[in-house]
Amino acid sequence: MTTEQGFFAKVYATVRRIPFGKVATYGQIAALIGAPHAARQVGWALHVNPEPYVIPCHRVVDRHGRLSGAFAFGGLEAQRFLLENEGVAFIDEQTVDLSVYLWEEQC
């Protein structure tokens, strides 16, 4: 397994743990896998997600709670639709209230 494959596998495993109705940030995922400065690489891994809808990349937003402009399978509207169907509310057209919906992994 190459380093990139190992990194991507860690991203996917972590994103799978985000509960229904919660979101995480790219930076949060990066920190959880031990690469705190790799938020952009997390985004790239999710962009090439091999199992959309199985690996719930729609639950990952930017550090401000904004939806991804490059959402891999359907764009902003699809990401918002999926999150709203999980009960996630928005404070404006593209922003999730992180004070309510941010996932806090329990150790």
PDB file of N, CA and C in Angstrom:
ATOM      1  N   MET A   1       0.842  -1.172   0.000  1.00  0.00           N
ATOM      2  CA  MET A   1       0.000   0.000   0.000  1.00  0.00           C
ATOM      3  C   MET A   1       0.887   1.235   0.000  1.00  0.00           C
ATOM      4  N   THR A   2       0.643   2.166  -0.908  1.00  0.00           N
ATOM      5  CA  THR A   2       1.437   3.380  -0.950  1.00  0.00           C
ATOM      6  C   THR A   2       1.023   4.303   0.184  1.00  0.00           C
ATOM      7  N   THR A   3       1.867   5.308   0.433  1.00  0.00           N
ATOM      8  CA  THR A   3       1.561   6.290   1.469  1.00  0.00           C
ATOM      9  C   THR A   3       0.233   6.972   1.178  1.00  0.00           C
ATOM     10  N   GLU A   4      -0.005   7.325  -0.102  1.00  0.00           N
ATOM     11  CA  GLU A   4      -1.268   7.978  -0.464  1.00  0.00           C
ATOM     12  C   GLU A   4      -2.446   7.066  -0.176  1.00  0.00           C
ATOM     13  N   GLN A   5      -2.337   5.796  -0.542  1.00  0.00           N
ATOM     14  CA  GLN A   5      -3.423   4.854  -0.289  1.00  0.00           C
ATOM     15  C   GLN A   5      -3.672   4.718   1.209  1.00  0.00           C
ATOM     16  N   GLY A   6      -2.600   4.689   2.004  1.00  0.00           N
ATOM     17  CA  GLY A   6      -2.749   4.594   3.451  1.00  0.00           C
ATOM     18  C   GLY A   6      -3.426   5.824   4.030  1.00  0.00           C
ATOM     19  N   PHE A   7      -3.047   7.000   3.540  1.00  0.00           N
ATOM     20  CA  PHE A   7      -3.667   8.248   3.977  1.00  0.00           C
ATOM     21  C   PHE A   7      -5.151   8.238   3.624  1.00  0.00           C
ATOM     22  N   PHE A   8      -5.467   7.924   2.372  1.00  0.00           N
ATOM     23  CA  PHE A   8      -6.859   7.900   1.927  1.00  0.00           C
ATOM     24  C   PHE A   8      -7.670   6.892   2.741  1.00  0.00           C
ATOM     25  N   ALA A   9      -7.107   5.727   3.006  1.00  0.00           N
ATOM     26  CA  ALA A   9      -7.812   4.712   3.793  1.00  0.00           C
ATOM     27  C   ALA A   9      -8.129   5.231   5.198  1.00  0.00           C
ATOM     28  N   LYS A  10      -7.194   5.962   5.798  1.00  0.00           N
ATOM     29  CA  LYS A  10      -7.435   6.552   7.118  1.00  0.00           C
ATOM     30  C   LYS A  10      -8.547   7.598   7.046  1.00  0.00           C
ATOM     31  N   VAL A  11      -8.531   8.410   5.992  1.00  0.00           N
ATOM     32  CA  VAL A  11      -9.588   9.410   5.814  1.00  0.00           C
ATOM     33  C   VAL A  11     -10.940   8.708   5.720  1.00  0.00           C
ATOM     34  N   TYR A  12     -11.031   7.721   4.856  1.00  0.00           N
ATOM     35  CA  TYR A  12     -12.305   7.035   4.649  1.00  0.00           C
ATOM     36  C   TYR A  12     -12.790   6.353   5.930  1.00  0.00           C
ATOM     37  N   ALA A  13     -11.889   5.726   6.656  1.00  0.00           N
ATOM     38  CA  ALA A  13     -12.276   5.053   7.904  1.00  0.00           C
ATOM     39  C   ALA A  13     -12.797   6.059   8.922  1.00  0.00           C
ATOM     40  N   THR A  14     -12.187   7.219   8.980  1.00  0.00           N
ATOM     41  CA  THR A  14     -12.611   8.247   9.931  1.00  0.00           C
ATOM     42  C   THR A  14     -13.942   8.852   9.516  1.00  0.00           C
ATOM     43  N   VAL A  15     -14.110   9.140   8.242  1.00  0.00           N
ATOM     44  CA  VAL A  15     -15.357   9.728   7.758  1.00  0.00           C
ATOM     45  C   VAL A  15     -16.518   8.759   7.973  1.00  0.00           C
ATOM     46  N   ARG A  16     -16.266   7.483   7.874  1.00  0.00           N
ATOM     47  CA  ARG A  16     -17.326   6.486   8.122  1.00  0.00           C
ATOM     48  C   ARG A  16     -17.850   6.570   9.559  1.00  0.00           C
ATOM     49  N   ARG A  17     -17.049   7.092  10.478  1.00  0.00           N
ATOM     50  CA  ARG A  17     -17.454   7.172  11.887  1.00  0.00           C
ATOM     51  C   ARG A  17     -18.311   8.395  12.204  1.00  0.00           C
ATOM     52  N   ILE A  18     -18.420   9.340  11.271  1.00  0.00           N
ATOM     53  CA  ILE A  18     -19.238  10.538  11.533  1.00  0.00           C
ATOM     54  C   ILE A  18     -20.696  10.088  11.625  1.00  0.00           C
ATOM     55  N   PRO A  19     -21.335  10.339  12.749  1.00  0.00           N
ATOM     56  CA  PRO A  19     -22.708   9.853  12.912  1.00  0.00           C
ATOM     57  C   PRO A  19     -23.721  10.581  12.024  1.00  0.00           C
ATOM     58  N   PHE A  20     -24.799   9.900  11.745  1.00  0.00           N
ATOM     59  CA  PHE A  20     -25.956  10.457  11.060  1.00  0.00           C
ATOM     60  C   PHE A  20     -26.366  11.735  11.796  1.00  0.00           C
ATOM     61  N   GLY A  21     -26.580  12.817  11.042  1.00  0.00           N
ATOM     62  CA  GLY A  21     -27.020  14.074  11.639  1.00  0.00           C
ATOM     63  C   GLY A  21     -25.914  14.937  12.207  1.00  0.00           C
ATOM     64  N   LYS A  22     -24.671  14.560  11.977  1.00  0.00           N
ATOM     65  CA  LYS A  22     -23.521  15.344  12.437  1.00  0.00           C
ATOM     66  C   LYS A  22     -22.615  15.634  11.258  1.00  0.00           C
ATOM     67  N   VAL A  23     -21.735  16.622  11.417  1.00  0.00           N
ATOM     68  CA  VAL A  23     -20.735  16.944  10.401  1.00  0.00           C
ATOM     69  C   VAL A  23     -19.367  17.039  11.063  1.00  0.00           C
ATOM     70  N   ALA A  24     -18.344  16.948  10.244  1.00  0.00           N
ATOM     71  CA  ALA A  24     -16.966  17.156  10.678  1.00  0.00           C
ATOM     72  C   ALA A  24     -16.326  18.096   9.671  1.00  0.00           C
ATOM     73  N   THR A  25     -15.217  18.683  10.049  1.00  0.00           N
ATOM     74  CA  THR A  25     -14.496  19.563   9.127  1.00  0.00           C
ATOM     75  C   THR A  25     -13.310  18.816   8.515  1.00  0.00           C
ATOM     76  N   TYR A  26     -12.843  19.336   7.395  1.00  0.00           N
ATOM     77  CA  TYR A  26     -11.668  18.743   6.749  1.00  0.00           C
ATOM     78  C   TYR A  26     -10.487  18.729   7.708  1.00  0.00           C
ATOM     79  N   GLY A  27     -10.277  19.841   8.413  1.00  0.00           N
ATOM     80  CA  GLY A  27      -9.175  19.923   9.361  1.00  0.00           C
ATOM     81  C   GLY A  27      -9.324  18.971  10.528  1.00  0.00           C
ATOM     82  N   GLN A  28     -10.550  18.780  10.981  1.00  0.00           N
ATOM     83  CA  GLN A  28     -10.820  17.843  12.061  1.00  0.00           C
ATOM     84  C   GLN A  28     -10.459  16.425  11.635  1.00  0.00           C
ATOM     85  N   ILE A  29     -10.845  16.049  10.425  1.00  0.00           N
ATOM     86  CA  ILE A  29     -10.503  14.714   9.921  1.00  0.00           C
ATOM     87  C   ILE A  29      -8.987  14.574   9.833  1.00  0.00           C
ATOM     88  N   ALA A  30      -8.334  15.599   9.306  1.00  0.00           N
ATOM     89  CA  ALA A  30      -6.870  15.563   9.198  1.00  0.00           C
ATOM     90  C   ALA A  30      -6.227  15.362  10.570  1.00  0.00           C
ATOM     91  N   ALA A  31      -6.690  16.102  11.558  1.00  0.00           N
ATOM     92  CA  ALA A  31      -6.124  15.981  12.907  1.00  0.00           C
ATOM     93  C   ALA A  31      -6.387  14.588  13.481  1.00  0.00           C
ATOM     94  N   LEU A  32      -7.571  14.060  13.273  1.00  0.00           N
ATOM     95  CA  LEU A  32      -7.906  12.745  13.814  1.00  0.00           C
ATOM     96  C   LEU A  32      -7.056  11.619  13.233  1.00  0.00           C
ATOM     97  N   ILE A  33      -6.578  11.803  12.006  1.00  0.00           N
ATOM     98  CA  ILE A  33      -5.735  10.745  11.427  1.00  0.00           C
ATOM     99  C   ILE A  33      -4.245  11.021  11.615  1.00  0.00           C
ATOM    100  N   GLY A  34      -3.941  12.063  12.393  1.00  0.00           N
ATOM    101  CA  GLY A  34      -2.547  12.348  12.713  1.00  0.00           C
ATOM    102  C   GLY A  34      -1.813  13.196  11.692  1.00  0.00           C
ATOM    103  N   ALA A  35      -2.557  13.914  10.862  1.00  0.00           N
ATOM    104  CA  ALA A  35      -1.965  14.787   9.843  1.00  0.00           C
ATOM    105  C   ALA A  35      -2.628  16.162   9.918  1.00  0.00           C
ATOM    106  N   PRO A  36      -2.413  16.903  11.017  1.00  0.00           N
ATOM    107  CA  PRO A  36      -3.186  18.114  11.281  1.00  0.00           C
ATOM    108  C   PRO A  36      -3.079  19.234  10.246  1.00  0.00           C
ATOM    109  N   HIS A  37      -2.091  19.174   9.388  1.00  0.00           N
ATOM    110  CA  HIS A  37      -1.936  20.216   8.368  1.00  0.00           C
ATOM    111  C   HIS A  37      -2.355  19.728   6.986  1.00  0.00           C
ATOM    112  N   ALA A  38      -3.123  18.673   6.923  1.00  0.00           N
ATOM    113  CA  ALA A  38      -3.454  18.051   5.638  1.00  0.00           C
ATOM    114  C   ALA A  38      -4.940  18.159   5.279  1.00  0.00           C
ATOM    115  N   ALA A  39      -5.586  19.250   5.664  1.00  0.00           N
ATOM    116  CA  ALA A  39      -7.010  19.411   5.372  1.00  0.00           C
ATOM    117  C   ALA A  39      -7.286  19.370   3.866  1.00  0.00           C
ATOM    118  N   ARG A  40      -6.424  19.980   3.071  1.00  0.00           N
ATOM    119  CA  ARG A  40      -6.627  19.959   1.615  1.00  0.00           C
ATOM    120  C   ARG A  40      -6.513  18.540   1.049  1.00  0.00           C
ATOM    121  N   GLN A  41      -5.593  17.780   1.593  1.00  0.00           N
ATOM    122  CA  GLN A  41      -5.434  16.407   1.135  1.00  0.00           C
ATOM    123  C   GLN A  41      -6.657  15.567   1.534  1.00  0.00           C
ATOM    124  N   VAL A  42      -7.242  15.867   2.676  1.00  0.00           N
ATOM    125  CA  VAL A  42      -8.487  15.197   3.063  1.00  0.00           C
ATOM    126  C   VAL A  42      -9.552  15.499   2.015  1.00  0.00           C
ATOM    127  N   GLY A  43      -9.630  16.768   1.603  1.00  0.00           N
ATOM    128  CA  GLY A  43     -10.583  17.153   0.566  1.00  0.00           C
ATOM    129  C   GLY A  43     -10.357  16.384  -0.724  1.00  0.00           C
ATOM    130  N   TRP A  44      -9.098  16.224  -1.090  1.00  0.00           N
ATOM    131  CA  TRP A  44      -8.805  15.480  -2.324  1.00  0.00           C
ATOM    132  C   TRP A  44      -9.224  14.013  -2.178  1.00  0.00           C
ATOM    133  N   ALA A  45      -8.928  13.416  -1.035  1.00  0.00           N
ATOM    134  CA  ALA A  45      -9.326  12.023  -0.813  1.00  0.00           C
ATOM    135  C   ALA A  45     -10.841  11.877  -0.953  1.00  0.00           C
ATOM    136  N   LEU A  46     -11.587  12.822  -0.414  1.00  0.00           N
ATOM    137  CA  LEU A  46     -13.040  12.747  -0.506  1.00  0.00           C
ATOM    138  C   LEU A  46     -13.533  13.027  -1.917  1.00  0.00           C
ATOM    139  N   HIS A  47     -12.796  13.830  -2.643  1.00  0.00           N
ATOM    140  CA  HIS A  47     -13.164  14.115  -4.036  1.00  0.00           C
ATOM    141  C   HIS A  47     -13.110  12.845  -4.887  1.00  0.00           C
ATOM    142  N   VAL A  48     -12.202  11.946  -4.551  1.00  0.00           N
ATOM    143  CA  VAL A  48     -12.070  10.696  -5.308  1.00  0.00           C
ATOM    144  C   VAL A  48     -12.635   9.507  -4.518  1.00  0.00           C
ATOM    145  N   ASN A  49     -13.546   9.789  -3.630  1.00  0.00           N
ATOM    146  CA  ASN A  49     -14.201   8.781  -2.798  1.00  0.00           C
ATOM    147  C   ASN A  49     -14.655   7.597  -3.661  1.00  0.00           C
ATOM    148  N   PRO A  50     -14.138   6.397  -3.392  1.00  0.00           N
ATOM    149  CA  PRO A  50     -14.502   5.247  -4.220  1.00  0.00           C
ATOM    150  C   PRO A  50     -15.893   4.685  -3.929  1.00  0.00           C
ATOM    151  N   GLU A  51     -16.475   5.100  -2.808  1.00  0.00           N
ATOM    152  CA  GLU A  51     -17.782   4.573  -2.420  1.00  0.00           C
ATOM    153  C   GLU A  51     -18.713   5.699  -1.951  1.00  0.00           C
ATOM    154  N   PRO A  52     -19.104   6.602  -2.864  1.00  0.00           N
ATOM    155  CA  PRO A  52     -20.031   7.662  -2.450  1.00  0.00           C
ATOM    156  C   PRO A  52     -21.286   7.044  -1.842  1.00  0.00           C
ATOM    157  N   TYR A  53     -21.824   7.701  -0.855  1.00  0.00           N
ATOM    158  CA  TYR A  53     -23.008   7.273  -0.106  1.00  0.00           C
ATOM    159  C   TYR A  53     -22.702   6.158   0.891  1.00  0.00           C
ATOM    160  N   VAL A  54     -21.624   5.407   0.694  1.00  0.00           N
ATOM    161  CA  VAL A  54     -21.181   4.436   1.693  1.00  0.00           C
ATOM    162  C   VAL A  54     -20.220   5.152   2.639  1.00  0.00           C
ATOM    163  N   ILE A  55     -19.258   5.853   2.061  1.00  0.00           N
ATOM    164  CA  ILE A  55     -18.375   6.729   2.831  1.00  0.00           C
ATOM    165  C   ILE A  55     -19.064   8.097   2.781  1.00  0.00           C
ATOM    166  N   PRO A  56     -19.648   8.554   3.890  1.00  0.00           N
ATOM    167  CA  PRO A  56     -20.530   9.725   3.868  1.00  0.00           C
ATOM    168  C   PRO A  56     -19.787  11.064   3.786  1.00  0.00           C
ATOM    169  N   CYS A  57     -19.129  11.293   2.663  1.00  0.00           N
ATOM    170  CA  CYS A  57     -18.351  12.520   2.527  1.00  0.00           C
ATOM    171  C   CYS A  57     -19.229  13.769   2.525  1.00  0.00           C
ATOM    172  N   HIS A  58     -20.536  13.612   2.337  1.00  0.00           N
ATOM    173  CA  HIS A  58     -21.425  14.772   2.416  1.00  0.00           C
ATOM    174  C   HIS A  58     -21.454  15.356   3.826  1.00  0.00           C
ATOM    175  N   ARG A  59     -20.970  14.613   4.809  1.00  0.00           N
ATOM    176  CA  ARG A  59     -20.939  15.084   6.197  1.00  0.00           C
ATOM    177  C   ARG A  59     -19.690  15.889   6.527  1.00  0.00           C
ATOM    178  N   VAL A  60     -18.854  16.169   5.540  1.00  0.00           N
ATOM    179  CA  VAL A  60     -17.631  16.930   5.782  1.00  0.00           C
ATOM    180  C   VAL A  60     -17.794  18.322   5.172  1.00  0.00           C
ATOM    181  N   VAL A  61     -17.533  19.336   5.996  1.00  0.00           N
ATOM    182  CA  VAL A  61     -17.678  20.735   5.604  1.00  0.00           C
ATOM    183  C   VAL A  61     -16.383  21.482   5.920  1.00  0.00           C
ATOM    184  N   ASP A  62     -16.303  22.736   5.503  1.00  0.00           N
ATOM    185  CA  ASP A  62     -15.078  23.490   5.799  1.00  0.00           C
ATOM    186  C   ASP A  62     -15.087  23.978   7.247  1.00  0.00           C
ATOM    187  N   ARG A  63     -14.027  24.633   7.645  1.00  0.00           N
ATOM    188  CA  ARG A  63     -13.858  25.019   9.050  1.00  0.00           C
ATOM    189  C   ARG A  63     -14.894  26.012   9.545  1.00  0.00           C
ATOM    190  N   HIS A  64     -15.612  26.639   8.618  1.00  0.00           N
ATOM    191  CA  HIS A  64     -16.666  27.576   8.988  1.00  0.00           C
ATOM    192  C   HIS A  64     -18.051  26.933   8.921  1.00  0.00           C
ATOM    193  N   GLY A  65     -18.102  25.668   8.536  1.00  0.00           N
ATOM    194  CA  GLY A  65     -19.372  24.969   8.406  1.00  0.00           C
ATOM    195  C   GLY A  65     -19.984  25.065   7.023  1.00  0.00           C
ATOM    196  N   ARG A  66     -19.231  25.639   6.082  1.00  0.00           N
ATOM    197  CA  ARG A  66     -19.760  25.797   4.725  1.00  0.00           C
ATOM    198  C   ARG A  66     -19.654  24.508   3.932  1.00  0.00           C
ATOM    199  N   LEU A  67     -20.624  24.331   3.051  1.00  0.00           N
ATOM    200  CA  LEU A  67     -20.638  23.176   2.161  1.00  0.00           C
ATOM    201  C   LEU A  67     -19.478  23.238   1.187  1.00  0.00           C
ATOM    202  N   SER A  68     -19.158  22.108   0.615  1.00  0.00           N
ATOM    203  CA  SER A  68     -18.057  22.020  -0.337  1.00  0.00           C
ATOM    204  C   SER A  68     -18.493  22.475  -1.725  1.00  0.00           C
ATOM    205  N   GLY A  69     -17.794  23.439  -2.275  1.00  0.00           N
ATOM    206  CA  GLY A  69     -18.081  23.895  -3.632  1.00  0.00           C
ATOM    207  C   GLY A  69     -17.758  22.845  -4.676  1.00  0.00           C
ATOM    208  N   ALA A  70     -16.921  21.892  -4.318  1.00  0.00           N
ATOM    209  CA  ALA A  70     -16.517  20.847  -5.265  1.00  0.00           C
ATOM    210  C   ALA A  70     -17.097  19.503  -4.856  1.00  0.00           C
ATOM    211  N   PHE A  71     -18.239  19.499  -4.232  1.00  0.00           N
ATOM    212  CA  PHE A  71     -18.839  18.263  -3.747  1.00  0.00           C
ATOM    213  C   PHE A  71     -18.893  17.251  -4.874  1.00  0.00           C
ATOM    214  N   ALA A  72     -18.329  16.094  -4.630  1.00  0.00           N
ATOM    215  CA  ALA A  72     -18.036  15.130  -5.694  1.00  0.00           C
ATOM    216  C   ALA A  72     -19.249  14.540  -6.402  1.00  0.00           C
ATOM    217  N   PHE A  73     -20.358  14.382  -5.729  1.00  0.00           N
ATOM    218  CA  PHE A  73     -21.466  13.729  -6.420  1.00  0.00           C
ATOM    219  C   PHE A  73     -22.745  14.551  -6.347  1.00  0.00           C
ATOM    220  N   GLY A  74     -22.751  15.694  -7.037  1.00  0.00           N
ATOM    221  CA  GLY A  74     -23.991  16.439  -7.158  1.00  0.00           C
ATOM    222  C   GLY A  74     -23.935  17.904  -6.804  1.00  0.00           C
ATOM    223  N   GLY A  75     -22.866  18.373  -6.238  1.00  0.00           N
ATOM    224  CA  GLY A  75     -22.742  19.787  -5.938  1.00  0.00           C
ATOM    225  C   GLY A  75     -23.384  20.190  -4.618  1.00  0.00           C
ATOM    226  N   LEU A  76     -23.427  21.497  -4.402  1.00  0.00           N
ATOM    227  CA  LEU A  76     -23.923  22.047  -3.145  1.00  0.00           C
ATOM    228  C   LEU A  76     -25.343  21.603  -2.828  1.00  0.00           C
ATOM    229  N   GLU A  77     -26.187  21.607  -3.841  1.00  0.00           N
ATOM    230  CA  GLU A  77     -27.585  21.257  -3.611  1.00  0.00           C
ATOM    231  C   GLU A  77     -27.729  19.824  -3.094  1.00  0.00           C
ATOM    232  N   ALA A  78     -26.971  18.906  -3.676  1.00  0.00           N
ATOM    233  CA  ALA A  78     -27.034  17.506  -3.246  1.00  0.00           C
ATOM    234  C   ALA A  78     -26.505  17.355  -1.824  1.00  0.00           C
ATOM    235  N   GLN A  79     -25.408  18.034  -1.510  1.00  0.00           N
ATOM    236  CA  GLN A  79     -24.858  17.941  -0.163  1.00  0.00           C
ATOM    237  C   GLN A  79     -25.852  18.504   0.846  1.00  0.00           C
ATOM    238  N   ARG A  80     -26.426  19.651   0.546  1.00  0.00           N
ATOM    239  CA  ARG A  80     -27.415  20.234   1.458  1.00  0.00           C
ATOM    240  C   ARG A  80     -28.616  19.293   1.617  1.00  0.00           C
ATOM    241  N   PHE A  81     -29.111  18.750   0.529  1.00  0.00           N
ATOM    242  CA  PHE A  81     -30.255  17.840   0.560  1.00  0.00           C
ATOM    243  C   PHE A  81     -29.973  16.648   1.469  1.00  0.00           C
ATOM    244  N   LEU A  82     -28.805  16.029   1.311  1.00  0.00           N
ATOM    245  CA  LEU A  82     -28.444  14.864   2.120  1.00  0.00           C
ATOM    246  C   LEU A  82     -28.361  15.227   3.597  1.00  0.00           C
ATOM    247  N   LEU A  83     -27.758  16.372   3.899  1.00  0.00           N
ATOM    248  CA  LEU A  83     -27.639  16.785   5.295  1.00  0.00           C
ATOM    249  C   LEU A  83     -28.996  17.142   5.894  1.00  0.00           C
ATOM    250  N   GLU A  84     -29.824  17.842   5.140  1.00  0.00           N
ATOM    251  CA  GLU A  84     -31.155  18.179   5.643  1.00  0.00           C
ATOM    252  C   GLU A  84     -31.978  16.923   5.909  1.00  0.00           C
ATOM    253  N   ASN A  85     -31.805  15.908   5.072  1.00  0.00           N
ATOM    254  CA  ASN A  85     -32.511  14.639   5.290  1.00  0.00           C
ATOM    255  C   ASN A  85     -32.035  13.924   6.549  1.00  0.00           C
ATOM    256  N   GLU A  86     -30.889  14.323   7.074  1.00  0.00           N
ATOM    257  CA  GLU A  86     -30.384  13.772   8.332  1.00  0.00           C
ATOM    258  C   GLU A  86     -30.752  14.658   9.515  1.00  0.00           C
ATOM    259  N   GLY A  87     -31.503  15.733   9.240  1.00  0.00           N
ATOM    260  CA  GLY A  87     -31.925  16.632  10.313  1.00  0.00           C
ATOM    261  C   GLY A  87     -30.986  17.773  10.585  1.00  0.00           C
ATOM    262  N   VAL A  88     -29.970  17.955   9.758  1.00  0.00           N
ATOM    263  CA  VAL A  88     -29.016  19.044   9.941  1.00  0.00           C
ATOM    264  C   VAL A  88     -29.649  20.331   9.416  1.00  0.00           C
ATOM    265  N   ALA A  89     -29.680  21.355  10.257  1.00  0.00           N
ATOM    266  CA  ALA A  89     -30.239  22.654   9.873  1.00  0.00           C
ATOM    267  C   ALA A  89     -29.107  23.589   9.455  1.00  0.00           C
ATOM    268  N   PHE A  90     -29.469  24.583   8.679  1.00  0.00           N
ATOM    269  CA  PHE A  90     -28.504  25.538   8.149  1.00  0.00           C
ATOM    270  C   PHE A  90     -28.779  26.935   8.692  1.00  0.00           C
ATOM    271  N   ILE A  91     -27.707  27.710   8.877  1.00  0.00           N
ATOM    272  CA  ILE A  91     -27.875  29.090   9.339  1.00  0.00           C
ATOM    273  C   ILE A  91     -27.983  30.060   8.169  1.00  0.00           C
ATOM    274  N   ASP A  92     -27.583  29.605   6.990  1.00  0.00           N
ATOM    275  CA  ASP A  92     -27.816  30.329   5.746  1.00  0.00           C
ATOM    276  C   ASP A  92     -27.806  29.306   4.617  1.00  0.00           C
ATOM    277  N   GLU A  93     -27.757  29.737   3.392  1.00  0.00           N
ATOM    278  CA  GLU A  93     -27.866  28.810   2.256  1.00  0.00           C
ATOM    279  C   GLU A  93     -26.814  27.712   2.234  1.00  0.00           C
ATOM    280  N   GLN A  94     -25.614  28.010   2.755  1.00  0.00           N
ATOM    281  CA  GLN A  94     -24.516  27.049   2.613  1.00  0.00           C
ATOM    282  C   GLN A  94     -23.793  26.711   3.906  1.00  0.00           C
ATOM    283  N   THR A  95     -24.304  27.146   5.056  1.00  0.00           N
ATOM    284  CA  THR A  95     -23.531  27.002   6.287  1.00  0.00           C
ATOM    285  C   THR A  95     -24.290  26.246   7.372  1.00  0.00           C
ATOM    286  N   VAL A  96     -23.644  25.203   7.866  1.00  0.00           N
ATOM    287  CA  VAL A  96     -24.152  24.405   8.982  1.00  0.00           C
ATOM    288  C   VAL A  96     -23.711  25.079  10.282  1.00  0.00           C
ATOM    289  N   ASP A  97     -24.555  25.057  11.283  1.00  0.00           N
ATOM    290  CA  ASP A  97     -24.211  25.602  12.599  1.00  0.00           C
ATOM    291  C   ASP A  97     -23.321  24.585  13.314  1.00  0.00           C
ATOM    292  N   LEU A  98     -22.028  24.841  13.303  1.00  0.00           N
ATOM    293  CA  LEU A  98     -21.083  23.898  13.914  1.00  0.00           C
ATOM    294  C   LEU A  98     -21.266  23.791  15.424  1.00  0.00           C
ATOM    295  N   SER A  99     -21.808  24.821  16.065  1.00  0.00           N
ATOM    296  CA  SER A  99     -22.012  24.743  17.514  1.00  0.00           C
ATOM    297  C   SER A  99     -23.074  23.701  17.872  1.00  0.00           C
ATOM    298  N   VAL A 100     -23.893  23.324  16.908  1.00  0.00           N
ATOM    299  CA  VAL A 100     -24.940  22.323  17.128  1.00  0.00           C
ATOM    300  C   VAL A 100     -24.595  20.979  16.514  1.00  0.00           C
ATOM    301  N   TYR A 101     -24.049  20.997  15.295  1.00  0.00           N
ATOM    302  CA  TYR A 101     -23.926  19.762  14.509  1.00  0.00           C
ATOM    303  C   TYR A 101     -22.522  19.192  14.373  1.00  0.00           C
ATOM    304  N   LEU A 102     -21.515  19.873  14.938  1.00  0.00           N
ATOM    305  CA  LEU A 102     -20.149  19.353  14.807  1.00  0.00           C
ATOM    306  C   LEU A 102     -19.996  18.070  15.613  1.00  0.00           C
ATOM    307  N   TRP A 103     -19.483  17.048  14.964  1.00  0.00           N
ATOM    308  CA  TRP A 103     -19.209  15.761  15.600  1.00  0.00           C
ATOM    309  C   TRP A 103     -18.052  15.906  16.556  1.00  0.00           C
ATOM    310  N   GLU A 104     -18.235  15.387  17.745  1.00  0.00           N
ATOM    311  CA  GLU A 104     -17.149  15.314  18.714  1.00  0.00           C
ATOM    312  C   GLU A 104     -16.948  13.854  19.033  1.00  0.00           C
ATOM    313  N   GLU A 105     -15.873  13.310  18.478  1.00  0.00           N
ATOM    314  CA  GLU A 105     -15.618  11.877  18.664  1.00  0.00           C
ATOM    315  C   GLU A 105     -15.380  11.580  20.136  1.00  0.00           C
ATOM    316  N   GLN A 106     -16.045  10.531  20.585  1.00  0.00           N
ATOM    317  CA  GLN A 106     -15.872  10.077  21.982  1.00  0.00           C
ATOM    318  C   GLN A 106     -14.737   9.066  22.025  1.00  0.00           C
ATOM    319  N   CYS A 107     -13.812   9.285  22.920  1.00  0.00           N
ATOM    320  CA  CYS A 107     -12.671   8.364  23.051  1.00  0.00           C
ATOM    321  C   CYS A 107     -13.007   7.197  23.931  1.00  0.00           C
TER     322      CYS A 107
END
